Protein backbone atom coordinates (compact mmCIF):
# COMPACT_ATOMS: atom_id res chain seq x y z
CA UNK A 1 0.00 0.00 0.00
CA UNK A 2 1.18 3.52 -0.72
CA UNK A 3 2.83 5.33 2.16
CA UNK A 4 3.28 2.15 4.19
CA UNK A 5 6.51 0.50 5.31
CA UNK A 6 9.36 1.49 2.94
CA UNK A 7 7.08 3.14 0.38
CA UNK A 8 7.39 6.94 0.37
CA UNK A 9 4.47 9.04 -0.80
CA UNK A 10 5.83 12.44 -1.80
CA UNK A 11 3.83 15.64 -1.47
CA UNK A 12 4.37 16.25 -5.17
CA UNK A 13 2.25 13.17 -5.95
CA UNK A 14 -0.79 14.60 -4.18
CA UNK A 15 -3.44 17.02 -5.40
CA UNK A 16 -4.73 20.01 -3.47
CA UNK A 17 -5.77 18.95 0.04
CA UNK A 18 -9.42 18.27 0.75
CA UNK A 19 -8.91 19.70 4.23
CA UNK A 20 -6.21 21.99 5.61
CA UNK A 21 -6.98 22.74 9.23
CA UNK A 22 -5.37 23.78 12.51
CA UNK A 23 -6.45 21.59 15.40
CA UNK A 24 -6.69 23.18 18.80
CA UNK A 25 -7.01 21.76 22.28
CA UNK A 26 -9.91 19.34 22.48
CA UNK A 27 -10.21 18.85 18.71
CA UNK A 28 -10.53 15.41 17.14
CA UNK A 29 -9.95 14.63 13.46
CA UNK A 30 -10.97 11.29 11.93
CA UNK A 31 -9.02 10.23 8.83
CA UNK A 32 -10.56 7.30 6.92
CA UNK A 33 -8.40 4.45 5.70
CA UNK A 34 -6.77 5.14 2.35
CA UNK A 35 -6.62 8.94 2.74
CA UNK A 36 -3.03 10.28 2.56
CA UNK A 37 -2.34 12.88 5.23
CA UNK A 38 0.49 14.82 6.76
CA UNK A 39 0.83 16.87 9.93
CA UNK A 40 3.19 19.52 11.23
CA UNK A 41 3.45 22.01 14.08
CA UNK A 42 4.92 24.88 12.04
CA UNK A 43 1.80 27.03 12.21
CA UNK A 44 0.60 26.06 15.67
CA UNK A 45 -0.32 28.92 17.93
CA UNK A 46 -0.33 31.36 15.04
CA UNK A 47 -4.07 31.50 14.36
CA UNK A 48 -4.53 34.68 16.39
CA UNK A 49 -1.20 36.25 15.48
CA UNK A 50 -0.39 38.41 12.45
CA UNK A 51 1.54 36.66 9.72
CA UNK A 52 5.22 37.43 9.29
CA UNK A 53 6.28 38.54 5.82
CA UNK A 54 7.31 35.65 3.57
CA UNK A 55 8.11 33.42 6.51
CA UNK A 56 6.25 30.67 8.29
CA UNK A 57 4.98 31.68 11.68
CA UNK A 58 5.96 29.46 14.56
CA UNK A 59 4.90 29.01 18.14
CA UNK A 60 7.04 29.17 21.24
CA UNK A 61 4.79 26.71 23.06
CA UNK A 62 4.95 22.96 22.76
CA UNK A 63 2.42 21.11 20.64
CA UNK A 64 1.42 17.56 21.46
CA UNK A 65 -1.12 15.35 19.72
CA UNK A 66 -2.20 11.75 20.19
CA UNK A 67 -2.69 9.51 17.17
CA UNK A 68 -4.91 6.46 17.59
CA UNK A 69 -4.68 3.99 14.74
CA UNK A 70 -7.04 1.07 14.17
CA UNK A 71 -5.30 -1.27 11.75
CA UNK A 72 -8.45 -3.00 10.57
CA UNK A 73 -6.69 -4.83 7.74
CA UNK A 74 -4.08 -6.22 10.16
CA UNK A 75 -6.59 -7.30 12.80
CA UNK A 76 -8.91 -8.98 10.28
CA UNK A 77 -11.81 -6.51 10.42
CA UNK A 78 -12.27 -6.03 6.67
CA UNK A 79 -14.39 -7.66 4.00
CA UNK A 80 -11.17 -9.03 2.49
CA UNK A 81 -10.43 -10.92 5.71
CA UNK A 82 -14.03 -12.07 5.92
CA UNK A 83 -13.87 -13.38 2.35
CA UNK A 84 -10.60 -15.21 3.03
CA UNK A 85 -11.90 -16.88 6.20
CA UNK A 86 -15.19 -17.88 4.58
CA UNK A 87 -13.37 -19.50 1.69
CA UNK A 88 -11.03 -21.26 4.11
CA UNK A 89 -13.95 -22.73 6.05
CA UNK A 90 -15.33 -23.94 2.72
CA UNK A 91 -12.03 -25.66 1.98
CA UNK A 92 -11.01 -23.19 -0.71
CA UNK A 93 -7.94 -20.99 -1.11
CA UNK A 94 -8.47 -17.24 -1.49
CA UNK A 95 -6.93 -16.36 -4.86
CA UNK A 96 -7.03 -12.63 -3.97
CA UNK A 97 -4.79 -12.97 -0.91
CA UNK A 98 -2.68 -11.02 -0.15
CA UNK A 99 -4.97 -8.32 -1.51
CA UNK A 100 -2.32 -5.65 -2.05
CA UNK A 101 -0.34 -8.00 -4.31
CA UNK A 102 -3.21 -9.53 -6.27
CA UNK A 103 -5.49 -6.51 -6.79
CA UNK A 104 -4.58 -3.01 -7.98
CA UNK A 105 -4.95 -0.40 -5.25
CA UNK A 106 -6.54 1.83 -7.90
CA UNK A 107 -9.40 -0.59 -8.47
CA UNK A 108 -12.88 -0.49 -6.95
CA UNK A 109 -12.52 -4.14 -5.92
CA UNK A 110 -9.54 -3.32 -3.72
CA UNK A 111 -11.28 -0.59 -1.74
CA UNK A 112 -14.59 -2.47 -1.56
CA UNK A 113 -12.85 -5.43 0.08
CA UNK A 114 -10.50 -3.30 2.18
CA UNK A 115 -13.50 -1.54 3.72
CA UNK A 116 -14.17 -2.29 7.38
CA UNK A 117 -16.97 -4.44 8.69
CA UNK A 118 -20.04 -2.54 9.96
CA UNK A 119 -19.49 -0.28 12.93
CA UNK A 120 -20.41 -2.04 16.14
CA UNK A 121 -20.01 -5.61 14.94
CA UNK A 122 -17.93 -6.28 18.07
CA UNK A 123 -20.62 -4.83 20.32
CA UNK A 124 -22.74 -6.99 22.58
CA UNK A 125 -25.73 -5.81 20.58
CA UNK A 126 -26.97 -3.12 22.94
CA UNK A 127 -26.11 -0.26 20.61
CA UNK A 128 -26.52 -2.03 17.28
CA UNK A 129 -29.18 -1.11 14.75
CA UNK A 130 -29.64 -4.87 14.32
CA UNK A 131 -31.51 -6.51 17.18
CA UNK A 132 -29.70 -9.83 16.87
CA UNK A 133 -26.30 -11.04 15.78
CA UNK A 134 -28.05 -13.22 13.19
CA UNK A 135 -29.44 -10.08 11.56
CA UNK A 136 -26.00 -8.51 11.61
CA UNK A 137 -24.50 -11.60 9.98
CA UNK A 138 -27.16 -11.43 7.29
CA UNK A 139 -26.35 -7.77 6.66
CA UNK A 140 -22.61 -8.50 6.45
CA UNK A 141 -23.28 -11.39 4.07
CA UNK A 142 -25.37 -9.12 1.85
CA UNK A 143 -22.68 -6.45 1.90
CA UNK A 144 -19.97 -8.95 0.95
CA UNK A 145 -22.07 -10.35 -1.90
CA UNK A 146 -22.89 -6.86 -3.16
CA UNK A 147 -19.26 -5.71 -3.07
CA UNK A 148 -18.10 -8.75 -5.00
CA UNK A 149 -20.81 -8.46 -7.66
CA UNK A 150 -20.42 -4.70 -8.10
CA UNK A 151 -16.66 -5.02 -8.34
CA UNK A 152 -16.99 -7.59 -11.11
CA UNK A 153 -20.08 -6.55 -13.12
CA UNK A 154 -18.89 -8.36 -16.24
CA UNK A 155 -18.84 -11.75 -14.57
CA UNK A 156 -20.74 -14.43 -16.46
CA UNK A 157 -23.79 -15.14 -14.33
CA UNK A 158 -24.21 -18.43 -16.13
CA UNK A 159 -20.93 -19.72 -14.72
CA UNK A 160 -22.23 -22.48 -12.47
CA UNK A 161 -18.88 -22.94 -10.74
CA UNK A 162 -18.65 -19.28 -9.71
CA UNK A 163 -22.20 -19.26 -8.38
CA UNK A 164 -21.63 -22.40 -6.33
CA UNK A 165 -18.35 -21.04 -4.99
CA UNK A 166 -20.00 -17.76 -3.99
CA UNK A 167 -22.94 -19.51 -2.33
CA UNK A 168 -20.61 -21.87 -0.44
CA UNK A 169 -18.50 -18.96 0.77
CA UNK A 170 -21.47 -16.87 1.91
CA UNK A 171 -22.91 -19.85 3.78
CA UNK A 172 -19.99 -19.59 6.20
CA UNK A 173 -20.49 -15.89 7.02
CA UNK A 174 -22.40 -16.47 10.31
CA UNK A 175 -19.72 -18.89 11.54
CA UNK A 176 -16.90 -16.51 10.65
CA UNK A 177 -18.63 -13.44 12.10
CA UNK A 178 -19.15 -15.29 15.37
CA UNK A 179 -15.52 -16.44 15.39
CA UNK A 180 -14.26 -12.91 14.78
CA UNK A 181 -16.54 -11.61 17.52
CA UNK A 182 -15.17 -14.09 20.07
CA UNK A 183 -11.59 -13.58 18.87
CA UNK A 184 -11.65 -9.81 19.18
CA UNK A 185 -13.32 -10.03 22.58
CA UNK A 186 -10.27 -12.01 23.70
CA UNK A 187 -7.94 -9.47 22.10
CA UNK A 188 -9.67 -6.53 23.76
CA UNK A 189 -9.54 -8.31 27.11
CA UNK A 190 -5.77 -8.76 26.77
CA UNK A 191 -5.33 -5.11 25.77
CA UNK A 192 -7.45 -3.95 28.72
CA UNK A 193 -5.36 -5.99 31.15
CA UNK A 194 -2.15 -4.72 29.53
CA UNK A 195 -3.08 -1.04 29.85
CA UNK A 196 -4.34 -1.49 33.40
CA UNK A 197 -1.16 -3.28 34.46
CA UNK A 198 1.14 -0.67 32.91
CA UNK A 199 -0.89 2.28 34.23
CA UNK A 200 -1.36 1.00 37.78
CA UNK A 201 1.79 -1.16 38.04
CA UNK A 202 -0.13 -4.27 39.04
CA UNK A 203 2.72 -6.68 38.33
CA UNK A 204 6.06 -6.67 40.13
CA UNK A 205 8.90 -6.50 37.61
CA UNK A 206 12.62 -5.75 37.97
CA UNK A 207 13.38 -2.02 38.22
CA UNK A 208 9.69 -1.32 37.53
CA UNK A 209 10.39 -1.40 33.77
CA UNK A 210 7.18 -0.94 31.76
CA UNK A 211 8.41 -3.12 28.89
CA UNK A 212 8.91 -6.10 31.20
CA UNK A 213 5.43 -5.58 32.58
CA UNK A 214 3.78 -5.46 29.13
CA UNK A 215 5.78 -8.22 27.47
CA UNK A 216 3.67 -11.17 28.76
CA UNK A 217 0.56 -9.50 27.33
CA UNK A 218 2.16 -9.14 23.91
CA UNK A 219 2.96 -12.85 24.11
CA UNK A 220 -0.73 -13.49 24.79
CA UNK A 221 -1.67 -11.38 21.77
CA UNK A 222 0.70 -13.41 19.58
CA UNK A 223 -0.86 -16.67 20.78
CA UNK A 224 -4.41 -15.37 20.29
CA UNK A 225 -3.65 -14.13 16.77
CA UNK A 226 -1.88 -17.41 16.03
CA UNK A 227 -5.01 -19.32 17.02
CA UNK A 228 -7.07 -17.24 14.57
CA UNK A 229 -4.56 -17.74 11.76
CA UNK A 230 -4.55 -21.51 12.37
CA UNK A 231 -8.34 -21.58 12.42
CA UNK A 232 -8.38 -19.53 9.21
CA UNK A 233 -6.35 -22.03 7.22
CA UNK A 234 -8.27 -23.79 4.42
CA UNK A 235 -10.19 -26.74 5.76
CA UNK A 236 -9.21 -29.96 4.02
CA UNK A 237 -12.40 -31.47 2.69
CA UNK A 238 -11.93 -35.18 2.12
CA UNK A 239 -13.42 -36.26 -1.16
CA UNK A 240 -15.61 -39.32 -0.93
CA UNK A 241 -16.15 -41.35 -4.08
CA UNK A 242 -19.01 -43.82 -4.18
CA UNK A 243 -18.21 -47.12 -5.87
CA UNK A 244 -21.58 -47.88 -7.43
CA UNK A 245 -20.49 -51.34 -8.53
CA UNK A 246 -20.04 -52.75 -5.02
CA UNK A 247 -21.83 -50.18 -2.87
CA UNK A 248 -18.63 -49.34 -1.00
CA UNK A 249 -16.89 -46.00 -0.60
CA UNK A 250 -13.32 -44.95 -1.20
CA UNK A 251 -11.70 -41.60 -0.50
CA UNK A 252 -8.97 -39.54 -2.06
CA UNK A 253 -7.28 -40.95 -5.11
CA UNK A 254 -8.54 -44.53 -4.98
CA UNK A 255 -9.07 -46.48 -8.18
CA UNK A 256 -12.61 -46.97 -9.42
CA UNK A 257 -13.69 -50.35 -10.56
């Protein structure tokens, strides 16, 4: 993805900004995934001061901001992850994974699948517009189906294989949504314990070093994510071949006769 890891996204590659604003104390700015952005403190504190000729105004006071990032594509909260897990439960390999290598980032398909699952899907249901998790699963299934069909409008609807594959994948949406719900509940529980331990120094560690206090929790996160990855591997569906001649059954690559 552009601007991630070693990729550098230069200012010269961008058009005029959609928003150019000065945030003040108490302000919050939400930046959706996929929107390039840059920040600086050059002009801070200068909103009420007269501009200096041909120079950038600066502030003598310190400027501090907190950035909170939700890496939905890393934590498996996107339609791409949902698609991959559904296919895996159906015993199929996702031919679009990893998405950033298989699909152009300029395509509609990429951004449709990279979009996050509906807001609140990790909620206990109290604040959801859907009264039950089954309704939410149905909505997510519909959204996934719509995104796939709209992203590939030229697909041959008469292709029986594609229709069966799609139906098989969508049949696993409720199972995957429930799995993701339980998984992220575990993750949030670990994070909550981590922050509480570091903030209130609940665990005795040598020299009261915060890293030593948080390290066991990061190990728990690794194990929890590892469990999801293992669960998300394609399920091996054993093929059963019926031998009509003798009424018996053989599996795998057995010889018919």
